[in-house]
PDB file of N, CA and C in Angstrom:
ATOM      1  N   MET A   1     187.135  93.677 205.606  1.00  0.00           N
ATOM      2  CA  MET A   1     187.847  92.352 205.968  1.00  0.00           C
ATOM      3  C   MET A   1     188.631  93.234 207.600  1.00  0.00           C
ATOM      4  N   SER A   2     188.909  91.947 207.963  1.00  0.00           N
ATOM      5  CA  SER A   2     190.212  92.355 208.482  1.00  0.00           C
ATOM      6  C   SER A   2     190.861  92.408 208.936  1.00  0.00           C
ATOM      7  N   ASP A   3     191.834  93.385 209.815  1.00  0.00           N
ATOM      8  CA  ASP A   3     193.167  92.888 209.521  1.00  0.00           C
ATOM      9  C   ASP A   3     194.365  91.900 209.249  1.00  0.00           C
ATOM     10  N   LEU A   4     193.669  90.956 210.520  1.00  0.00           N
ATOM     11  CA  LEU A   4     194.214  89.381 209.829  1.00  0.00           C
ATOM     12  C   LEU A   4     193.989  89.275 208.216  1.00  0.00           C
ATOM     13  N   PHE A   5     192.874  89.002 208.302  1.00  0.00           N
ATOM     14  CA  PHE A   5     192.588  89.061 206.618  1.00  0.00           C
ATOM     15  C   PHE A   5     193.678  89.739 205.582  1.00  0.00           C
ATOM     16  N   GLU A   6     193.537  91.580 206.151  1.00  0.00           N
ATOM     17  CA  GLU A   6     194.588  92.055 204.848  1.00  0.00           C
ATOM     18  C   GLU A   6     195.806  91.621 205.256  1.00  0.00           C
ATOM     19  N   GLN A   7     196.964  90.836 206.390  1.00  0.00           N
ATOM     20  CA  GLN A   7     197.759  91.107 206.271  1.00  0.00           C
ATOM     21  C   GLN A   7     198.167  89.848 206.101  1.00  0.00           C
ATOM     22  N   GLY A   8     196.663  88.602 206.404  1.00  0.00           N
ATOM     23  CA  GLY A   8     197.468  87.334 205.438  1.00  0.00           C
ATOM     24  C   GLY A   8     197.546  87.237 203.987  1.00  0.00           C
ATOM     25  N   MET A   9     196.700  88.268 203.708  1.00  0.00           N
ATOM     26  CA  MET A   9     196.420  88.135 202.044  1.00  0.00           C
ATOM     27  C   MET A   9     198.242  88.589 200.855  1.00  0.00           C
ATOM     28  N   ALA A  10     198.167  90.347 202.333  1.00  0.00           N
ATOM     29  CA  ALA A  10     199.433  90.639 201.678  1.00  0.00           C
ATOM     30  C   ALA A  10     200.585  89.688 202.174  1.00  0.00           C
ATOM     31  N   THR A  11     201.165  88.669 202.591  1.00  0.00           N
ATOM     32  CA  THR A  11     201.706  87.643 202.624  1.00  0.00           C
ATOM     33  C   THR A  11     201.809  86.416 201.888  1.00  0.00           C
ATOM     34  N   ARG A  12     200.231  85.707 201.924  1.00  0.00           N
ATOM     35  CA  ARG A  12     200.039  84.789 200.891  1.00  0.00           C
ATOM     36  C   ARG A  12     200.612  85.743 199.700  1.00  0.00           C
ATOM     37  N   ARG A  13     200.285  86.794 199.177  1.00  0.00           N
ATOM     38  CA  ARG A  13     200.906  87.323 197.205  1.00  0.00           C
ATOM     39  C   ARG A  13     201.735  87.939 197.826  1.00  0.00           C
ATOM     40  N   SER A  14     203.335  87.636 199.243  1.00  0.00           N
ATOM     41  CA  SER A  14     204.049  88.034 198.803  1.00  0.00           C
ATOM     42  C   SER A  14     205.294  86.532 198.591  1.00  0.00           C
ATOM     43  N   VAL A  15     204.757  85.182 199.420  1.00  0.00           N
ATOM     44  CA  VAL A  15     205.213  83.959 199.345  1.00  0.00           C
ATOM     45  C   VAL A  15     204.617  83.500 197.992  1.00  0.00           C
ATOM     46  N   LEU A  16     204.167  83.323 197.989  1.00  0.00           N
ATOM     47  CA  LEU A  16     202.755  82.583 196.530  1.00  0.00           C
ATOM     48  C   LEU A  16     202.846  82.924 195.200  1.00  0.00           C
ATOM     49  N   GLY A  17     202.631  84.690 194.595  1.00  0.00           N
ATOM     50  CA  GLY A  17     202.982  85.185 193.934  1.00  0.00           C
ATOM     51  C   GLY A  17     200.908  85.697 193.462  1.00  0.00           C
ATOM     52  N   ASP A  18     200.808  87.099 193.265  1.00  0.00           N
ATOM     53  CA  ASP A  18     199.583  87.421 192.470  1.00  0.00           C
ATOM     54  C   ASP A  18     198.908  86.733 191.903  1.00  0.00           C
ATOM     55  N   ALA A  19     199.728  86.015 190.198  1.00  0.00           N
ATOM     56  CA  ALA A  19     199.123  84.235 189.629  1.00  0.00           C
ATOM     57  C   ALA A  19     198.357  84.471 191.026  1.00  0.00           C
ATOM     58  N   HIS A  20     199.592  83.850 192.051  1.00  0.00           N
ATOM     59  CA  HIS A  20     198.184  82.394 192.363  1.00  0.00           C
ATOM     60  C   HIS A  20     197.108  82.748 192.835  1.00  0.00           C
ATOM     61  N   VAL A  21     197.099  82.734 193.956  1.00  0.00           N
ATOM     62  CA  VAL A  21     196.412  83.994 194.647  1.00  0.00           C
ATOM     63  C   VAL A  21     195.439  84.622 193.257  1.00  0.00           C
ATOM     64  N   ASP A  22     195.316  85.303 192.442  1.00  0.00           N
ATOM     65  CA  ASP A  22     194.927  85.562 192.379  1.00  0.00           C
ATOM     66  C   ASP A  22     193.302  84.972 191.014  1.00  0.00           C
ATOM     67  N   HIS A  23     194.508  83.870 190.636  1.00  0.00           N
ATOM     68  CA  HIS A  23     194.299  82.933 190.493  1.00  0.00           C
ATOM     69  C   HIS A  23     192.559  81.837 191.751  1.00  0.00           C
ATOM     70  N   ALA A  24     193.340  81.841 192.952  1.00  0.00           N
ATOM     71  CA  ALA A  24     192.364  81.726 193.892  1.00  0.00           C
ATOM     72  C   ALA A  24     191.687  82.509 194.169  1.00  0.00           C
ATOM     73  N   GLU A  25     191.389  83.017 194.676  1.00  0.00           N
ATOM     74  CA  GLU A  25     190.008  84.439 194.602  1.00  0.00           C
ATOM     75  C   GLU A  25     188.981  84.556 193.052  1.00  0.00           C
ATOM     76  N   ALA A  26     189.314  84.533 192.035  1.00  0.00           N
ATOM     77  CA  ALA A  26     188.469  84.370 191.141  1.00  0.00           C
ATOM     78  C   ALA A  26     188.019  82.468 191.173  1.00  0.00           C
ATOM     79  N   THR A  27     188.362  82.330 191.501  1.00  0.00           N
ATOM     80  CA  THR A  27     187.886  80.358 190.640  1.00  0.00           C
ATOM     81  C   THR A  27     187.143  80.364 192.707  1.00  0.00           C
ATOM     82  N   LYS A  28     187.535  80.947 193.597  1.00  0.00           N
ATOM     83  CA  LYS A  28     186.612  80.599 194.982  1.00  0.00           C
ATOM     84  C   LYS A  28     184.824  80.773 194.904  1.00  0.00           C
ATOM     85  N   SER A  29     184.674  80.118 195.766  1.00  0.00           N
ATOM     86  CA  SER A  29     182.834  80.085 195.087  1.00  0.00           C
ATOM     87  C   SER A  29     182.257  80.300 196.595  1.00  0.00           C
ATOM     88  N   SER A  30     181.285  80.819 196.153  1.00  0.00           N
ATOM     89  CA  SER A  30     179.810  81.043 198.180  1.00  0.00           C
ATOM     90  C   SER A  30     180.085  79.868 198.981  1.00  0.00           C
ATOM     91  N   PHE A  31     180.872  78.233 198.382  1.00  0.00           N
ATOM     92  CA  PHE A  31     181.110  77.122 199.304  1.00  0.00           C
ATOM     93  C   PHE A  31     182.312  77.455 199.805  1.00  0.00           C
ATOM     94  N   ASP A  32     183.493  77.956 199.355  1.00  0.00           N
ATOM     95  CA  ASP A  32     184.447  77.436 199.461  1.00  0.00           C
ATOM     96  C   ASP A  32     185.370  78.531 200.175  1.00  0.00           C
ATOM     97  N   THR A  33     184.546  79.769 200.429  1.00  0.00           N
ATOM     98  CA  THR A  33     184.604  81.675 200.408  1.00  0.00           C
ATOM     99  C   THR A  33     184.773  81.044 201.938  1.00  0.00           C
ATOM    100  N   PRO A  34     184.567  80.190 202.897  1.00  0.00           N
ATOM    101  CA  PRO A  34     184.087  80.256 204.676  1.00  0.00           C
ATOM    102  C   PRO A  34     185.842  79.483 204.586  1.00  0.00           C
ATOM    103  N   PHE A  35     186.333  78.732 203.726  1.00  0.00           N
ATOM    104  CA  PHE A  35     187.923  77.975 203.422  1.00  0.00           C
ATOM    105  C   PHE A  35     188.606  79.079 203.364  1.00  0.00           C
ATOM    106  N   GLN A  36     188.690  79.517 202.177  1.00  0.00           N
ATOM    107  CA  GLN A  36     189.780  80.469 201.968  1.00  0.00           C
ATOM    108  C   GLN A  36     189.612  81.290 202.642  1.00  0.00           C
ATOM    109  N   ASN A  37     189.339  81.609 203.370  1.00  0.00           N
ATOM    110  CA  ASN A  37     188.933  83.129 204.126  1.00  0.00           C
ATOM    111  C   ASN A  37     189.710  83.067 206.101  1.00  0.00           C
ATOM    112  N   MET A  38     189.323  81.876 205.812  1.00  0.00           N
ATOM    113  CA  MET A  38     190.338  81.093 207.502  1.00  0.00           C
ATOM    114  C   MET A  38     191.802  80.475 207.164  1.00  0.00           C
ATOM    115  N   ILE A  39     192.184  80.006 206.065  1.00  0.00           N
ATOM    116  CA  ILE A  39     193.723  80.051 205.716  1.00  0.00           C
ATOM    117  C   ILE A  39     194.089  81.252 205.531  1.00  0.00           C
ATOM    118  N   THR A  40     193.533  82.088 204.779  1.00  0.00           N
ATOM    119  CA  THR A  40     194.517  83.319 204.108  1.00  0.00           C
ATOM    120  C   THR A  40     194.743  83.954 206.158  1.00  0.00           C
ATOM    121  N   GLU A  41     193.392  83.969 207.771  1.00  0.00           N
ATOM    122  CA  GLU A  41     193.478  84.736 208.402  1.00  0.00           C
ATOM    123  C   GLU A  41     195.158  83.852 208.812  1.00  0.00           C
ATOM    124  N   GLY A  42     194.423  82.587 209.333  1.00  0.00           N
ATOM    125  CA  GLY A  42     195.425  81.330 210.023  1.00  0.00           C
ATOM    126  C   GLY A  42     196.437  81.362 209.278  1.00  0.00           C
ATOM    127  N   ALA A  43     196.443  80.801 208.127  1.00  0.00           N
ATOM    128  CA  ALA A  43     198.210  80.145 207.835  1.00  0.00           C
ATOM    129  C   ALA A  43     198.799  82.077 207.414  1.00  0.00           C
ATOM    130  N   TRP A  44     198.235  81.957 206.836  1.00  0.00           N
ATOM    131  CA  TRP A  44     199.129  83.718 205.977  1.00  0.00           C
ATOM    132  C   TRP A  44     198.949  84.838 206.636  1.00  0.00           C
ATOM    133  N   GLY A  45     197.788  84.480 207.650  1.00  0.00           N
ATOM    134  CA  GLY A  45     197.508  85.919 208.552  1.00  0.00           C
ATOM    135  C   GLY A  45     198.492  85.954 209.830  1.00  0.00           C
ATOM    136  N   THR A  46     198.730  84.420 210.424  1.00  0.00           N
ATOM    137  CA  THR A  46     198.753  84.607 211.122  1.00  0.00           C
ATOM    138  C   THR A  46     200.355  84.038 211.539  1.00  0.00           C
ATOM    139  N   LEU A  47     200.448  82.477 211.349  1.00  0.00           N
ATOM    140  CA  LEU A  47     201.584  81.558 211.382  1.00  0.00           C
ATOM    141  C   LEU A  47     202.587  82.026 209.841  1.00  0.00           C
ATOM    142  N   TRP A  48     202.609  82.251 208.565  1.00  0.00           N
ATOM    143  CA  TRP A  48     203.250  83.156 207.784  1.00  0.00           C
ATOM    144  C   TRP A  48     203.818  84.618 207.641  1.00  0.00           C
ATOM    145  N   SER A  49     203.063  85.382 208.605  1.00  0.00           N
ATOM    146  CA  SER A  49     203.081  86.627 209.108  1.00  0.00           C
ATOM    147  C   SER A  49     203.916  86.509 210.120  1.00  0.00           C
ATOM    148  N   ASP A  50     203.832  85.872 211.178  1.00  0.00           N
ATOM    149  CA  ASP A  50     204.794  85.572 212.294  1.00  0.00           C
ATOM    150  C   ASP A  50     206.270  85.758 211.615  1.00  0.00           C
ATOM    151  N   ASP A  51     207.721  86.769 212.566  1.00  0.00           N
ATOM    152  CA  ASP A  51     209.173  87.579 211.668  1.00  0.00           C
ATOM    153  C   ASP A  51     210.304  85.956 212.881  1.00  0.00           C
ATOM    154  N   THR A  52     209.521  85.039 213.714  1.00  0.00           N
ATOM    155  CA  THR A  52     210.265  84.660 214.383  1.00  0.00           C
ATOM    156  C   THR A  52     211.490  84.079 213.762  1.00  0.00           C
ATOM    157  N   ILE A  53     210.736  82.875 212.502  1.00  0.00           N
ATOM    158  CA  ILE A  53     211.680  82.093 212.080  1.00  0.00           C
ATOM    159  C   ILE A  53     211.742  82.782 210.876  1.00  0.00           C
ATOM    160  N   SER A  54     212.296  83.017 209.442  1.00  0.00           N
ATOM    161  CA  SER A  54     211.995  83.628 207.970  1.00  0.00           C
ATOM    162  C   SER A  54     211.669  82.857 207.051  1.00  0.00           C
ATOM    163  N   LYS A  55     210.987  82.979 205.730  1.00  0.00           N
ATOM    164  CA  LYS A  55     209.695  83.359 205.605  1.00  0.00           C
ATOM    165  C   LYS A  55     210.677  81.375 204.537  1.00  0.00           C
ATOM    166  N   ARG A  56     212.260  81.924 204.366  1.00  0.00           N
ATOM    167  CA  ARG A  56     212.599  80.519 204.339  1.00  0.00           C
ATOM    168  C   ARG A  56     213.224  79.214 204.294  1.00  0.00           C
ATOM    169  N   GLU A  57     212.989  79.448 206.119  1.00  0.00           N
ATOM    170  CA  GLU A  57     212.996  78.108 207.247  1.00  0.00           C
ATOM    171  C   GLU A  57     211.494  77.407 206.634  1.00  0.00           C
ATOM    172  N   ARG A  58     210.405  79.166 207.224  1.00  0.00           N
ATOM    173  CA  ARG A  58     208.994  78.725 206.587  1.00  0.00           C
ATOM    174  C   ARG A  58     208.868  77.619 205.473  1.00  0.00           C
ATOM    175  N   SER A  59     209.279  77.812 204.425  1.00  0.00           N
ATOM    176  CA  SER A  59     209.379  76.413 203.162  1.00  0.00           C
ATOM    177  C   SER A  59     209.743  75.952 203.444  1.00  0.00           C
ATOM    178  N   MET A  60     211.255  74.815 204.250  1.00  0.00           N
ATOM    179  CA  MET A  60     211.846  74.071 204.515  1.00  0.00           C
ATOM    180  C   MET A  60     210.912  72.990 205.193  1.00  0.00           C
ATOM    181  N   LEU A  61     210.444  74.451 206.510  1.00  0.00           N
ATOM    182  CA  LEU A  61     209.172  73.224 207.618  1.00  0.00           C
ATOM    183  C   LEU A  61     208.158  72.756 206.278  1.00  0.00           C
ATOM    184  N   THR A  62     207.097  73.771 205.367  1.00  0.00           N
ATOM    185  CA  THR A  62     206.203  73.224 205.447  1.00  0.00           C
ATOM    186  C   THR A  62     207.208  72.419 204.117  1.00  0.00           C
ATOM    187  N   LEU A  63     207.367  72.777 203.488  1.00  0.00           N
ATOM    188  CA  LEU A  63     207.983  71.776 201.943  1.00  0.00           C
ATOM    189  C   LEU A  63     208.469  69.577 202.728  1.00  0.00           C
ATOM    190  N   SER A  64     208.723  69.805 204.788  1.00  0.00           N
ATOM    191  CA  SER A  64     209.112  68.826 204.948  1.00  0.00           C
ATOM    192  C   SER A  64     207.627  68.457 205.308  1.00  0.00           C
ATOM    193  N   LEU A  65     207.231  69.408 205.792  1.00  0.00           N
ATOM    194  CA  LEU A  65     205.562  68.907 206.820  1.00  0.00           C
ATOM    195  C   LEU A  65     205.055  68.114 205.713  1.00  0.00           C
ATOM    196  N   LEU A  66     204.547  68.920 204.548  1.00  0.00           N
ATOM    197  CA  LEU A  66     203.861  68.002 203.168  1.00  0.00           C
ATOM    198  C   LEU A  66     204.037  66.891 202.796  1.00  0.00           C
ATOM    199  N   ALA A  67     206.089  66.273 202.799  1.00  0.00           N
ATOM    200  CA  ALA A  67     206.488  64.978 202.519  1.00  0.00           C
ATOM    201  C   ALA A  67     206.145  64.179 203.702  1.00  0.00           C
ATOM    202  N   ALA A  68     206.863  64.111 204.694  1.00  0.00           N
ATOM    203  CA  ALA A  68     206.263  63.799 205.349  1.00  0.00           C
ATOM    204  C   ALA A  68     204.602  63.051 205.675  1.00  0.00           C
ATOM    205  N   THR A  69     204.063  63.880 205.522  1.00  0.00           N
ATOM    206  CA  THR A  69     202.888  63.152 206.316  1.00  0.00           C
ATOM    207  C   THR A  69     202.127  62.968 204.861  1.00  0.00           C
ATOM    208  N   GLY A  70     202.300  63.372 203.251  1.00  0.00           N
ATOM    209  CA  GLY A  70     201.720  62.742 202.179  1.00  0.00           C
ATOM    210  C   GLY A  70     201.376  64.162 201.624  1.00  0.00           C
ATOM    211  N   ASN A  71     201.545  64.852 202.023  1.00  0.00           N
ATOM    212  CA  ASN A  71     200.351  66.077 201.114  1.00  0.00           C
ATOM    213  C   ASN A  71     200.491  66.251 199.918  1.00  0.00           C
ATOM    214  N   PHE A  72     201.814  65.627 198.909  1.00  0.00           N
ATOM    215  CA  PHE A  72     202.044  66.309 198.255  1.00  0.00           C
ATOM    216  C   PHE A  72     201.959  66.417 197.038  1.00  0.00           C
ATOM    217  N   GLU A  73     200.627  66.835 196.998  1.00  0.00           N
ATOM    218  CA  GLU A  73     199.346  67.899 196.096  1.00  0.00           C
ATOM    219  C   GLU A  73     200.181  69.220 196.127  1.00  0.00           C
ATOM    220  N   GLU A  74     200.939  70.061 197.835  1.00  0.00           N
ATOM    221  CA  GLU A  74     200.855  71.324 197.578  1.00  0.00           C
ATOM    222  C   GLU A  74     202.287  71.004 197.413  1.00  0.00           C
ATOM    223  N   ILE A  75     202.697  70.438 197.332  1.00  0.00           N
ATOM    224  CA  ILE A  75     204.409  70.428 196.758  1.00  0.00           C
ATOM    225  C   ILE A  75     204.926  71.369 196.307  1.00  0.00           C
ATOM    226  N   PRO A  76     203.935  71.336 194.688  1.00  0.00           N
ATOM    227  CA  PRO A  76     204.795  72.182 194.114  1.00  0.00           C
ATOM    228  C   PRO A  76     204.701  73.337 193.724  1.00  0.00           C
ATOM    229  N   MET A  77     203.186  73.546 194.355  1.00  0.00           N
ATOM    230  CA  MET A  77     203.883  75.043 194.094  1.00  0.00           C
ATOM    231  C   MET A  77     204.100  76.061 195.427  1.00  0.00           C
ATOM    232  N   HIS A  78     204.382  75.453 196.611  1.00  0.00           N
ATOM    233  CA  HIS A  78     205.218  75.790 198.095  1.00  0.00           C
ATOM    234  C   HIS A  78     206.975  75.225 196.976  1.00  0.00           C
ATOM    235  N   ILE A  79     207.330  74.677 196.465  1.00  0.00           N
ATOM    236  CA  ILE A  79     208.298  74.827 195.188  1.00  0.00           C
ATOM    237  C   ILE A  79     208.702  75.452 194.733  1.00  0.00           C
ATOM    238  N   ARG A  80     207.716  76.194 194.101  1.00  0.00           N
ATOM    239  CA  ARG A  80     207.248  77.816 193.021  1.00  0.00           C
ATOM    240  C   ARG A  80     207.640  78.478 194.547  1.00  0.00           C
ATOM    241  N   ALA A  81     206.692  78.805 195.152  1.00  0.00           N
ATOM    242  CA  ALA A  81     207.028  79.104 196.502  1.00  0.00           C
ATOM    243  C   ALA A  81     208.680  80.594 196.354  1.00  0.00           C
ATOM    244  N   THR A  82     209.458  79.105 196.967  1.00  0.00           N
ATOM    245  CA  THR A  82     210.199  79.152 197.570  1.00  0.00           C
ATOM    246  C   THR A  82     211.498  80.101 196.441  1.00  0.00           C
ATOM    247  N   ALA A  83     210.745  80.653 195.809  1.00  0.00           N
ATOM    248  CA  ALA A  83     211.068  81.756 194.396  1.00  0.00           C
ATOM    249  C   ALA A  83     210.660  83.330 195.138  1.00  0.00           C
ATOM    250  N   ASN A  84     210.415  83.348 196.064  1.00  0.00           N
ATOM    251  CA  ASN A  84     210.327  84.500 196.951  1.00  0.00           C
ATOM    252  C   ASN A  84     210.230  84.691 198.489  1.00  0.00           C
ATOM    253  N   THR A  85     210.871  83.256 198.571  1.00  0.00           N
ATOM    254  CA  THR A  85     210.466  82.417 200.631  1.00  0.00           C
ATOM    255  C   THR A  85     212.728  82.504 200.360  1.00  0.00           C
ATOM    256  N   GLY A  86     212.810  82.619 199.861  1.00  0.00           N
ATOM    257  CA  GLY A  86     214.887  82.415 199.456  1.00  0.00           C
ATOM    258  C   GLY A  86     214.958  81.360 199.819  1.00  0.00           C
ATOM    259  N   ALA A  87     214.293  80.023 199.771  1.00  0.00           N
ATOM    260  CA  ALA A  87     215.072  79.788 199.741  1.00  0.00           C
ATOM    261  C   ALA A  87     215.515  78.097 199.103  1.00  0.00           C
ATOM    262  N   SER A  88     216.208  77.664 198.580  1.00  0.00           N
ATOM    263  CA  SER A  88     217.691  77.630 197.705  1.00  0.00           C
ATOM    264  C   SER A  88     216.828  76.076 197.540  1.00  0.00           C
ATOM    265  N   PRO A  89     217.517  75.372 196.381  1.00  0.00           N
ATOM    266  CA  PRO A  89     216.721  74.158 195.964  1.00  0.00           C
ATOM    267  C   PRO A  89     217.973  72.984 196.662  1.00  0.00           C
ATOM    268  N   GLN A  90     219.384  73.539 197.063  1.00  0.00           N
ATOM    269  CA  GLN A  90     219.800  72.792 197.986  1.00  0.00           C
ATOM    270  C   GLN A  90     219.116  72.748 199.267  1.00  0.00           C
ATOM    271  N   ASP A  91     218.266  73.789 200.321  1.00  0.00           N
ATOM    272  CA  ASP A  91     218.071  73.712 201.531  1.00  0.00           C
ATOM    273  C   ASP A  91     216.703  72.959 201.283  1.00  0.00           C
ATOM    274  N   VAL A  92     216.042  72.460 199.945  1.00  0.00           N
ATOM    275  CA  VAL A  92     214.133  72.181 200.059  1.00  0.00           C
ATOM    276  C   VAL A  92     215.131  71.166 199.932  1.00  0.00           C
ATOM    277  N   LEU A  93     216.566  69.964 199.940  1.00  0.00           N
ATOM    278  CA  LEU A  93     216.656  69.087 199.294  1.00  0.00           C
ATOM    279  C   LEU A  93     217.085  68.376 200.347  1.00  0.00           C
ATOM    280  N   GLN A  94     218.240  69.186 201.656  1.00  0.00           N
ATOM    281  CA  GLN A  94     218.629  68.710 202.393  1.00  0.00           C
ATOM    282  C   GLN A  94     216.889  68.385 203.728  1.00  0.00           C
ATOM    283  N   ALA A  95     216.168  69.030 203.315  1.00  0.00           N
ATOM    284  CA  ALA A  95     214.671  69.201 203.800  1.00  0.00           C
ATOM    285  C   ALA A  95     214.110  67.965 204.024  1.00  0.00           C
ATOM    286  N   PHE A  96     213.440  67.552 202.751  1.00  0.00           N
ATOM    287  CA  PHE A  96     213.555  66.066 202.107  1.00  0.00           C
ATOM    288  C   PHE A  96     214.525  65.253 202.686  1.00  0.00           C
ATOM    289  N   MET A  97     215.858  65.161 203.143  1.00  0.00           N
ATOM    290  CA  MET A  97     216.822  64.475 203.631  1.00  0.00           C
ATOM    291  C   MET A  97     216.490  64.649 204.751  1.00  0.00           C
ATOM    292  N   HIS A  98     215.669  65.096 205.599  1.00  0.00           N
ATOM    293  CA  HIS A  98     215.631  64.857 206.744  1.00  0.00           C
ATOM    294  C   HIS A  98     214.012  63.972 206.650  1.00  0.00           C
ATOM    295  N   VAL A  99     213.168  64.023 205.804  1.00  0.00           N
ATOM    296  CA  VAL A  99     211.908  63.892 205.657  1.00  0.00           C
ATOM    297  C   VAL A  99     212.029  61.753 205.840  1.00  0.00           C
ATOM    298  N   ALA A 100     213.397  61.094 205.210  1.00  0.00           N
ATOM    299  CA  ALA A 100     213.822  60.101 204.422  1.00  0.00           C
ATOM    300  C   ALA A 100     214.372  59.962 206.047  1.00  0.00           C
ATOM    301  N   ILE A 101     214.775  60.342 206.164  1.00  0.00           N
ATOM    302  CA  ILE A 101     215.521  59.574 207.604  1.00  0.00           C
ATOM    303  C   ILE A 101     214.332  59.783 208.669  1.00  0.00           C
ATOM    304  N   TYR A 102     213.499  60.367 209.161  1.00  0.00           N
ATOM    305  CA  TYR A 102     212.578  60.791 210.058  1.00  0.00           C
ATOM    306  C   TYR A 102     210.832  60.258 209.457  1.00  0.00           C
ATOM    307  N   ALA A 103     210.397  60.133 208.412  1.00  0.00           N
ATOM    308  CA  ALA A 103     209.751  59.890 208.009  1.00  0.00           C
ATOM    309  C   ALA A 103     208.658  58.456 206.745  1.00  0.00           C
ATOM    310  N   GLY A 104     210.363  58.680 205.973  1.00  0.00           N
ATOM    311  CA  GLY A 104     210.401  57.612 205.002  1.00  0.00           C
ATOM    312  C   GLY A 104     210.829  57.650 203.734  1.00  0.00           C
ATOM    313  N   VAL A 105     212.107  56.879 203.249  1.00  0.00           N
ATOM    314  CA  VAL A 105     212.346  57.148 202.281  1.00  0.00           C
ATOM    315  C   VAL A 105     210.920  57.126 201.030  1.00  0.00           C
ATOM    316  N   PRO A 106     210.732  56.455 200.971  1.00  0.00           N
ATOM    317  CA  PRO A 106     209.337  56.725 200.290  1.00  0.00           C
ATOM    318  C   PRO A 106     208.918  57.775 199.576  1.00  0.00           C
ATOM    319  N   LYS A 107     208.339  58.339 200.644  1.00  0.00           N
ATOM    320  CA  LYS A 107     207.649  60.001 200.478  1.00  0.00           C
ATOM    321  C   LYS A 107     208.884  60.982 200.613  1.00  0.00           C
ATOM    322  N   ALA A 108     210.245  60.630 200.870  1.00  0.00           N
ATOM    323  CA  ALA A 108     211.035  61.992 200.317  1.00  0.00           C
ATOM    324  C   ALA A 108     211.712  61.755 198.906  1.00  0.00           C
ATOM    325  N   ASN A 109     211.502  60.727 198.295  1.00  0.00           N
ATOM    326  CA  ASN A 109     211.901  59.808 197.643  1.00  0.00           C
ATOM    327  C   ASN A 109     210.841  60.552 196.367  1.00  0.00           C
ATOM    328  N   HIS A 110     209.568  60.506 196.736  1.00  0.00           N
ATOM    329  CA  HIS A 110     208.428  61.143 195.825  1.00  0.00           C
ATOM    330  C   HIS A 110     208.949  62.569 195.879  1.00  0.00           C
ATOM    331  N   ALA A 111     208.619  62.831 196.298  1.00  0.00           N
ATOM    332  CA  ALA A 111     208.821  64.654 197.156  1.00  0.00           C
ATOM    333  C   ALA A 111     209.618  65.310 196.149  1.00  0.00           C
ATOM    334  N   ILE A 112     210.956  64.487 196.408  1.00  0.00           N
ATOM    335  CA  ILE A 112     211.775  65.695 195.234  1.00  0.00           C
ATOM    336  C   ILE A 112     211.692  64.593 193.784  1.00  0.00           C
ATOM    337  N   LYS A 113     211.545  64.299 193.518  1.00  0.00           N
ATOM    338  CA  LYS A 113     210.310  63.797 192.784  1.00  0.00           C
ATOM    339  C   LYS A 113     209.651  64.552 191.608  1.00  0.00           C
ATOM    340  N   LEU A 114     209.109  65.662 192.561  1.00  0.00           N
ATOM    341  CA  LEU A 114     208.136  66.243 192.235  1.00  0.00           C
ATOM    342  C   LEU A 114     209.205  67.936 192.018  1.00  0.00           C
ATOM    343  N   ALA A 115     209.759  67.860 193.386  1.00  0.00           N
ATOM    344  CA  ALA A 115     210.690  69.563 193.561  1.00  0.00           C
ATOM    345  C   ALA A 115     211.271  70.047 192.020  1.00  0.00           C
ATOM    346  N   LYS A 116     211.687  68.439 191.185  1.00  0.00           N
ATOM    347  CA  LYS A 116     213.160  68.339 189.896  1.00  0.00           C
ATOM    348  C   LYS A 116     212.129  68.412 188.997  1.00  0.00           C
ATOM    349  N   GLN A 117     210.994  67.652 189.318  1.00  0.00           N
ATOM    350  CA  GLN A 117     210.201  67.692 187.731  1.00  0.00           C
ATOM    351  C   GLN A 117     209.660  69.982 187.763  1.00  0.00           C
ATOM    352  N   THR A 118     209.062  70.412 189.560  1.00  0.00           N
ATOM    353  CA  THR A 118     208.565  71.781 189.463  1.00  0.00           C
ATOM    354  C   THR A 118     210.060  72.809 189.419  1.00  0.00           C
ATOM    355  N   TYR A 119     210.915  72.490 189.821  1.00  0.00           N
ATOM    356  CA  TYR A 119     212.650  73.322 189.251  1.00  0.00           C
ATOM    357  C   TYR A 119     212.554  73.496 187.779  1.00  0.00           C
ATOM    358  N   LYS A 120     212.318  71.962 187.448  1.00  0.00           N
ATOM    359  CA  LYS A 120     212.614  71.630 186.124  1.00  0.00           C
ATOM    360  C   LYS A 120     211.240  73.242 185.048  1.00  0.00           C
ATOM    361  N   GLU A 121     209.955  73.696 185.387  1.00  0.00           N
ATOM    362  CA  GLU A 121     209.664  74.237 184.926  1.00  0.00           C
ATOM    363  C   GLU A 121     209.331  75.163 185.288  1.00  0.00           C
ATOM    364  N   MET A 122     210.077  76.026 186.176  1.00  0.00           N
ATOM    365  CA  MET A 122     210.532  77.011 186.336  1.00  0.00           C
ATOM    366  C   MET A 122     211.552  77.367 186.377  1.00  0.00           C
ATOM    367  N   GLY A 123     212.496  75.810 185.201  1.00  0.00           N
ATOM    368  CA  GLY A 123     213.399  76.922 184.458  1.00  0.00           C
ATOM    369  C   GLY A 123     214.863  77.154 185.756  1.00  0.00           C
ATOM    370  N   VAL A 124     214.871  76.623 186.697  1.00  0.00           N
ATOM    371  CA  VAL A 124     215.672  76.418 188.067  1.00  0.00           C
ATOM    372  C   VAL A 124     216.601  74.328 186.865  1.00  0.00           C
ATOM    373  N   GLU A 125     217.930  75.665 187.204  1.00  0.00           N
ATOM    374  CA  GLU A 125     219.270  74.032 187.005  1.00  0.00           C
ATOM    375  C   GLU A 125     219.936  73.725 187.956  1.00  0.00           C
ATOM    376  N   LEU A 126     219.015  72.281 188.121  1.00  0.00           N
ATOM    377  CA  LEU A 126     219.919  71.491 189.670  1.00  0.00           C
ATOM    378  C   LEU A 126     221.416  70.874 189.238  1.00  0.00           C
TER     379      LEU A 126
END
């Protein structure tokens, strides 16, 4: 594999955790391997590996963008990742409050509901 892939895999593991990445790797097939390689190199090897901004800030941006664009299915995964990136529940709430103003209250409301549920599953007291 390329250096970009190796860096991406290391960053992906540091953000999402070994259990998540191991599961994703175990369930990939020849059909989705090209996609998994692309996101490992592109999203994780390039974007998430860049140190211009912190992982905490990237978490907040990612969660905001997921909520603003209605891509709710990935919000729990990225809420769980905050345990590794340093974004606090208060940081996440502020990100979703920005979503409410700039992208719509219903999207922020749903994202907050998902965050509360995920934090509860994580044992994080709010």
